[in-house]
């Protein structure tokens, strides 16, 4: 075990701080969205669809964008279909492909919930930092995201 490159105490504190901040922030944002009947994962799907041309995305692209397995996304989309937020449509040019499509009800949901969610993101994350710290955080995470998406075979969408 001595030839292994262990984290230094400083690196260990930074790593654990990152994990705690990520988990606590996710839990808080998820908790605040539950009042609207959405989970944070639901919200992320609605945002991706709302920002896509025609409010639709191929399921495979949506899985990549939301960092979910195709199987997990399919189950989530089934739940969201039952709630009337999305539908699935077959791709006309690729019989194996399927689109997730934002419904009018899903569009209204994201329009109603987004302002409060953005306020929560500001209150619990962005406003706790200076603009310089936000820029630094973005620069810090960019190579990590690029590396891990490369490992997964996914390109980052900037």
C-alpha atoms as a PDB file:
ATOM      1  CA  UNK A   1       0.000   0.000   0.000  1.00  0.00           C
ATOM      2  CA  UNK A   2       2.961   2.348   0.450  1.00  0.00           C
ATOM      3  CA  UNK A   3       3.475   2.700  -3.305  1.00  0.00           C
ATOM      4  CA  UNK A   4      -0.077   4.014  -3.701  1.00  0.00           C
ATOM      5  CA  UNK A   5      -0.573   7.762  -4.187  1.00  0.00           C
ATOM      6  CA  UNK A   6      -2.951   8.650  -1.326  1.00  0.00           C
ATOM      7  CA  UNK A   7      -4.629  12.017  -0.964  1.00  0.00           C
ATOM      8  CA  UNK A   8      -2.821  14.527   1.188  1.00  0.00           C
ATOM      9  CA  UNK A   9      -4.756  15.894   4.170  1.00  0.00           C
ATOM     10  CA  UNK A  10      -5.420  19.082   2.183  1.00  0.00           C
ATOM     11  CA  UNK A  11      -6.618  17.105  -0.870  1.00  0.00           C
ATOM     12  CA  UNK A  12      -8.792  14.914   1.368  1.00  0.00           C
ATOM     13  CA  UNK A  13     -10.470  17.976   2.922  1.00  0.00           C
ATOM     14  CA  UNK A  14     -11.087  19.483  -0.534  1.00  0.00           C
ATOM     15  CA  UNK A  15     -12.523  16.215  -1.853  1.00  0.00           C
ATOM     16  CA  UNK A  16     -14.813  15.755   1.129  1.00  0.00           C
ATOM     17  CA  UNK A  17     -15.927  19.397   0.955  1.00  0.00           C
ATOM     18  CA  UNK A  18     -16.831  18.892  -2.707  1.00  0.00           C
ATOM     19  CA  UNK A  19     -18.831  15.738  -1.920  1.00  0.00           C
ATOM     20  CA  UNK A  20     -20.666  17.339   0.993  1.00  0.00           C
ATOM     21  CA  UNK A  21     -21.478  20.516  -0.949  1.00  0.00           C
ATOM     22  CA  UNK A  22     -22.747  18.550  -3.950  1.00  0.00           C
ATOM     23  CA  UNK A  23     -24.913  16.208  -1.889  1.00  0.00           C
ATOM     24  CA  UNK A  24     -26.327  18.928   0.364  1.00  0.00           C
ATOM     25  CA  UNK A  25     -27.093  21.227  -2.566  1.00  0.00           C
ATOM     26  CA  UNK A  26     -28.756  18.435  -4.547  1.00  0.00           C
ATOM     27  CA  UNK A  27     -30.883  17.434  -1.541  1.00  0.00           C
ATOM     28  CA  UNK A  28     -31.935  21.025  -0.839  1.00  0.00           C
ATOM     29  CA  UNK A  29     -32.845  21.829  -4.451  1.00  0.00           C
ATOM     30  CA  UNK A  30     -34.672  18.518  -4.783  1.00  0.00           C
ATOM     31  CA  UNK A  31     -36.588  19.161  -1.551  1.00  0.00           C
ATOM     32  CA  UNK A  32     -37.663  22.612  -2.710  1.00  0.00           C
ATOM     33  CA  UNK A  33     -38.872  21.284  -6.078  1.00  0.00           C
ATOM     34  CA  UNK A  34     -40.963  18.546  -4.477  1.00  0.00           C
ATOM     35  CA  UNK A  35     -43.616  21.095  -3.580  1.00  0.00           C
ATOM     36  CA  UNK A  36     -44.312  21.432  -7.301  1.00  0.00           C
ATOM     37  CA  UNK A  37     -44.448  17.665  -7.791  1.00  0.00           C
ATOM     38  CA  UNK A  38     -41.064  17.495  -9.523  1.00  0.00           C
ATOM     39  CA  UNK A  39     -37.748  15.976  -8.574  1.00  0.00           C
ATOM     40  CA  UNK A  40     -34.488  17.689  -9.502  1.00  0.00           C
ATOM     41  CA  UNK A  41     -34.009  14.978 -12.156  1.00  0.00           C
ATOM     42  CA  UNK A  42     -37.473  15.748 -13.596  1.00  0.00           C
ATOM     43  CA  UNK A  43     -36.628  19.435 -13.670  1.00  0.00           C
ATOM     44  CA  UNK A  44     -33.352  18.803 -15.489  1.00  0.00           C
ATOM     45  CA  UNK A  45     -35.163  16.796 -18.162  1.00  0.00           C
ATOM     46  CA  UNK A  46     -37.797  19.520 -18.591  1.00  0.00           C
ATOM     47  CA  UNK A  47     -35.084  22.184 -18.911  1.00  0.00           C
ATOM     48  CA  UNK A  48     -33.187  20.206 -21.546  1.00  0.00           C
ATOM     49  CA  UNK A  49     -36.340  19.615 -23.558  1.00  0.00           C
ATOM     50  CA  UNK A  50     -37.505  23.229 -23.206  1.00  0.00           C
ATOM     51  CA  UNK A  51     -34.174  24.476 -24.585  1.00  0.00           C
ATOM     52  CA  UNK A  52     -34.096  22.071 -27.547  1.00  0.00           C
ATOM     53  CA  UNK A  53     -35.452  22.801 -31.031  1.00  0.00           C
ATOM     54  CA  UNK A  54     -39.074  21.714 -31.203  1.00  0.00           C
ATOM     55  CA  UNK A  55     -38.887  20.985 -27.458  1.00  0.00           C
ATOM     56  CA  UNK A  56     -37.707  17.481 -28.293  1.00  0.00           C
ATOM     57  CA  UNK A  57     -34.557  15.411 -27.973  1.00  0.00           C
ATOM     58  CA  UNK A  58     -33.540  11.915 -28.919  1.00  0.00           C
ATOM     59  CA  UNK A  59     -33.651   9.756 -25.829  1.00  0.00           C
ATOM     60  CA  UNK A  60     -29.968   8.871 -26.257  1.00  0.00           C
ATOM     61  CA  UNK A  61     -28.995  12.571 -26.386  1.00  0.00           C
ATOM     62  CA  UNK A  62     -31.193  13.355 -23.391  1.00  0.00           C
ATOM     63  CA  UNK A  63     -29.557  10.532 -21.427  1.00  0.00           C
ATOM     64  CA  UNK A  64     -26.130  11.984 -22.228  1.00  0.00           C
ATOM     65  CA  UNK A  65     -27.234  15.540 -21.398  1.00  0.00           C
ATOM     66  CA  UNK A  66     -28.668  14.500 -18.031  1.00  0.00           C
ATOM     67  CA  UNK A  67     -25.869  12.027 -17.271  1.00  0.00           C
ATOM     68  CA  UNK A  68     -28.202   9.058 -16.875  1.00  0.00           C
ATOM     69  CA  UNK A  69     -28.163   5.543 -18.238  1.00  0.00           C
ATOM     70  CA  UNK A  70     -30.600   4.977 -21.060  1.00  0.00           C
ATOM     71  CA  UNK A  71     -32.494   2.499 -18.899  1.00  0.00           C
ATOM     72  CA  UNK A  72     -32.823   4.888 -15.964  1.00  0.00           C
ATOM     73  CA  UNK A  73     -33.931   7.704 -18.267  1.00  0.00           C
ATOM     74  CA  UNK A  74     -36.527   5.454 -19.882  1.00  0.00           C
ATOM     75  CA  UNK A  75     -38.061   4.707 -16.468  1.00  0.00           C
ATOM     76  CA  UNK A  76     -38.012   8.377 -15.556  1.00  0.00           C
ATOM     77  CA  UNK A  77     -39.636   9.374 -18.849  1.00  0.00           C
ATOM     78  CA  UNK A  78     -42.348   6.749 -18.224  1.00  0.00           C
ATOM     79  CA  UNK A  79     -43.156   8.411 -14.890  1.00  0.00           C
ATOM     80  CA  UNK A  80     -43.146  11.842 -16.504  1.00  0.00           C
ATOM     81  CA  UNK A  81     -45.404  10.587 -19.317  1.00  0.00           C
ATOM     82  CA  UNK A  82     -47.886   9.350 -16.728  1.00  0.00           C
ATOM     83  CA  UNK A  83     -47.869  12.861 -15.220  1.00  0.00           C
ATOM     84  CA  UNK A  84     -48.534  14.392 -18.663  1.00  0.00           C
ATOM     85  CA  UNK A  85     -45.216  16.299 -18.794  1.00  0.00           C
ATOM     86  CA  UNK A  86     -43.627  14.530 -21.763  1.00  0.00           C
ATOM     87  CA  UNK A  87     -44.483  12.116 -24.538  1.00  0.00           C
ATOM     88  CA  UNK A  88     -42.407   9.781 -26.663  1.00  0.00           C
ATOM     89  CA  UNK A  89     -42.412   9.873 -30.435  1.00  0.00           C
ATOM     90  CA  UNK A  90     -40.654   7.574 -32.839  1.00  0.00           C
ATOM     91  CA  UNK A  91     -38.000   9.049 -35.103  1.00  0.00           C
ATOM     92  CA  UNK A  92     -39.229   9.017 -38.679  1.00  0.00           C
ATOM     93  CA  UNK A  93     -35.709   8.708 -40.107  1.00  0.00           C
ATOM     94  CA  UNK A  94     -34.505   6.067 -37.612  1.00  0.00           C
ATOM     95  CA  UNK A  95     -36.928   3.385 -36.498  1.00  0.00           C
ATOM     96  CA  UNK A  96     -34.698   2.486 -33.541  1.00  0.00           C
ATOM     97  CA  UNK A  97     -34.656   6.065 -32.258  1.00  0.00           C
ATOM     98  CA  UNK A  98     -37.194   7.689 -29.975  1.00  0.00           C
ATOM     99  CA  UNK A  99     -37.746  11.324 -29.102  1.00  0.00           C
ATOM    100  CA  UNK A 100     -38.771  12.650 -25.715  1.00  0.00           C
ATOM    101  CA  UNK A 101     -41.091  15.576 -26.368  1.00  0.00           C
ATOM    102  CA  UNK A 102     -42.166  18.263 -23.930  1.00  0.00           C
ATOM    103  CA  UNK A 103     -45.968  18.534 -23.741  1.00  0.00           C
ATOM    104  CA  UNK A 104     -47.843  21.801 -23.302  1.00  0.00           C
ATOM    105  CA  UNK A 105     -48.416  20.751 -19.678  1.00  0.00           C
ATOM    106  CA  UNK A 106     -44.670  20.163 -19.266  1.00  0.00           C
ATOM    107  CA  UNK A 107     -43.933  23.567 -20.811  1.00  0.00           C
ATOM    108  CA  UNK A 108     -46.332  25.261 -18.406  1.00  0.00           C
ATOM    109  CA  UNK A 109     -44.770  23.381 -15.490  1.00  0.00           C
ATOM    110  CA  UNK A 110     -41.228  24.524 -16.341  1.00  0.00           C
ATOM    111  CA  UNK A 111     -42.408  28.108 -16.871  1.00  0.00           C
ATOM    112  CA  UNK A 112     -44.150  28.067 -13.486  1.00  0.00           C
ATOM    113  CA  UNK A 113     -41.381  26.348 -11.502  1.00  0.00           C
ATOM    114  CA  UNK A 114     -38.230  27.820 -13.089  1.00  0.00           C
ATOM    115  CA  UNK A 115     -38.279  31.238 -11.366  1.00  0.00           C
ATOM    116  CA  UNK A 116     -38.441  29.702  -7.875  1.00  0.00           C
ATOM    117  CA  UNK A 117     -35.808  27.112  -8.769  1.00  0.00           C
ATOM    118  CA  UNK A 118     -33.430  29.783 -10.083  1.00  0.00           C
ATOM    119  CA  UNK A 119     -33.994  31.756  -6.867  1.00  0.00           C
ATOM    120  CA  UNK A 120     -33.051  28.621  -4.913  1.00  0.00           C
ATOM    121  CA  UNK A 121     -29.899  28.086  -6.974  1.00  0.00           C
ATOM    122  CA  UNK A 122     -28.943  31.702  -6.326  1.00  0.00           C
ATOM    123  CA  UNK A 123     -29.730  31.554  -2.602  1.00  0.00           C
ATOM    124  CA  UNK A 124     -28.000  28.240  -1.905  1.00  0.00           C
ATOM    125  CA  UNK A 125     -25.099  28.457  -4.358  1.00  0.00           C
ATOM    126  CA  UNK A 126     -24.385  31.409  -6.667  1.00  0.00           C
ATOM    127  CA  UNK A 127     -24.975  34.264  -4.208  1.00  0.00           C
ATOM    128  CA  UNK A 128     -22.648  32.653  -1.657  1.00  0.00           C
ATOM    129  CA  UNK A 129     -19.714  33.375  -3.977  1.00  0.00           C
ATOM    130  CA  UNK A 130     -18.202  36.422  -5.590  1.00  0.00           C
ATOM    131  CA  UNK A 131     -18.388  36.692  -9.398  1.00  0.00           C
ATOM    132  CA  UNK A 132     -14.661  35.863  -9.453  1.00  0.00           C
ATOM    133  CA  UNK A 133     -15.257  32.693  -7.432  1.00  0.00           C
ATOM    134  CA  UNK A 134     -18.050  31.649  -9.799  1.00  0.00           C
ATOM    135  CA  UNK A 135     -15.668  32.118 -12.749  1.00  0.00           C
ATOM    136  CA  UNK A 136     -12.959  30.192 -10.932  1.00  0.00           C
ATOM    137  CA  UNK A 137     -15.356  27.362 -10.154  1.00  0.00           C
ATOM    138  CA  UNK A 138     -16.325  27.141 -13.816  1.00  0.00           C
ATOM    139  CA  UNK A 139     -12.631  27.019 -14.828  1.00  0.00           C
ATOM    140  CA  UNK A 140     -11.923  24.376 -12.171  1.00  0.00           C
ATOM    141  CA  UNK A 141     -14.725  22.063 -13.265  1.00  0.00           C
ATOM    142  CA  UNK A 142     -14.233  22.405 -17.045  1.00  0.00           C
ATOM    143  CA  UNK A 143     -11.243  20.020 -17.301  1.00  0.00           C
ATOM    144  CA  UNK A 144     -12.871  17.529 -14.917  1.00  0.00           C
ATOM    145  CA  UNK A 145     -16.073  17.532 -16.991  1.00  0.00           C
ATOM    146  CA  UNK A 146     -14.119  17.251 -20.262  1.00  0.00           C
ATOM    147  CA  UNK A 147     -12.065  14.348 -18.904  1.00  0.00           C
ATOM    148  CA  UNK A 148     -15.024  12.413 -17.521  1.00  0.00           C
ATOM    149  CA  UNK A 149     -17.177  12.972 -20.595  1.00  0.00           C
ATOM    150  CA  UNK A 150     -14.261  11.736 -22.680  1.00  0.00           C
ATOM    151  CA  UNK A 151     -14.109   8.613 -20.516  1.00  0.00           C
ATOM    152  CA  UNK A 152     -17.858   8.129 -21.114  1.00  0.00           C
ATOM    153  CA  UNK A 153     -17.527   8.932 -24.822  1.00  0.00           C
ATOM    154  CA  UNK A 154     -19.717  12.034 -24.551  1.00  0.00           C
ATOM    155  CA  UNK A 155     -18.919  15.544 -25.751  1.00  0.00           C
ATOM    156  CA  UNK A 156     -19.599  18.573 -23.594  1.00  0.00           C
ATOM    157  CA  UNK A 157     -22.232  20.987 -24.927  1.00  0.00           C
ATOM    158  CA  UNK A 158     -21.071  24.546 -24.225  1.00  0.00           C
END
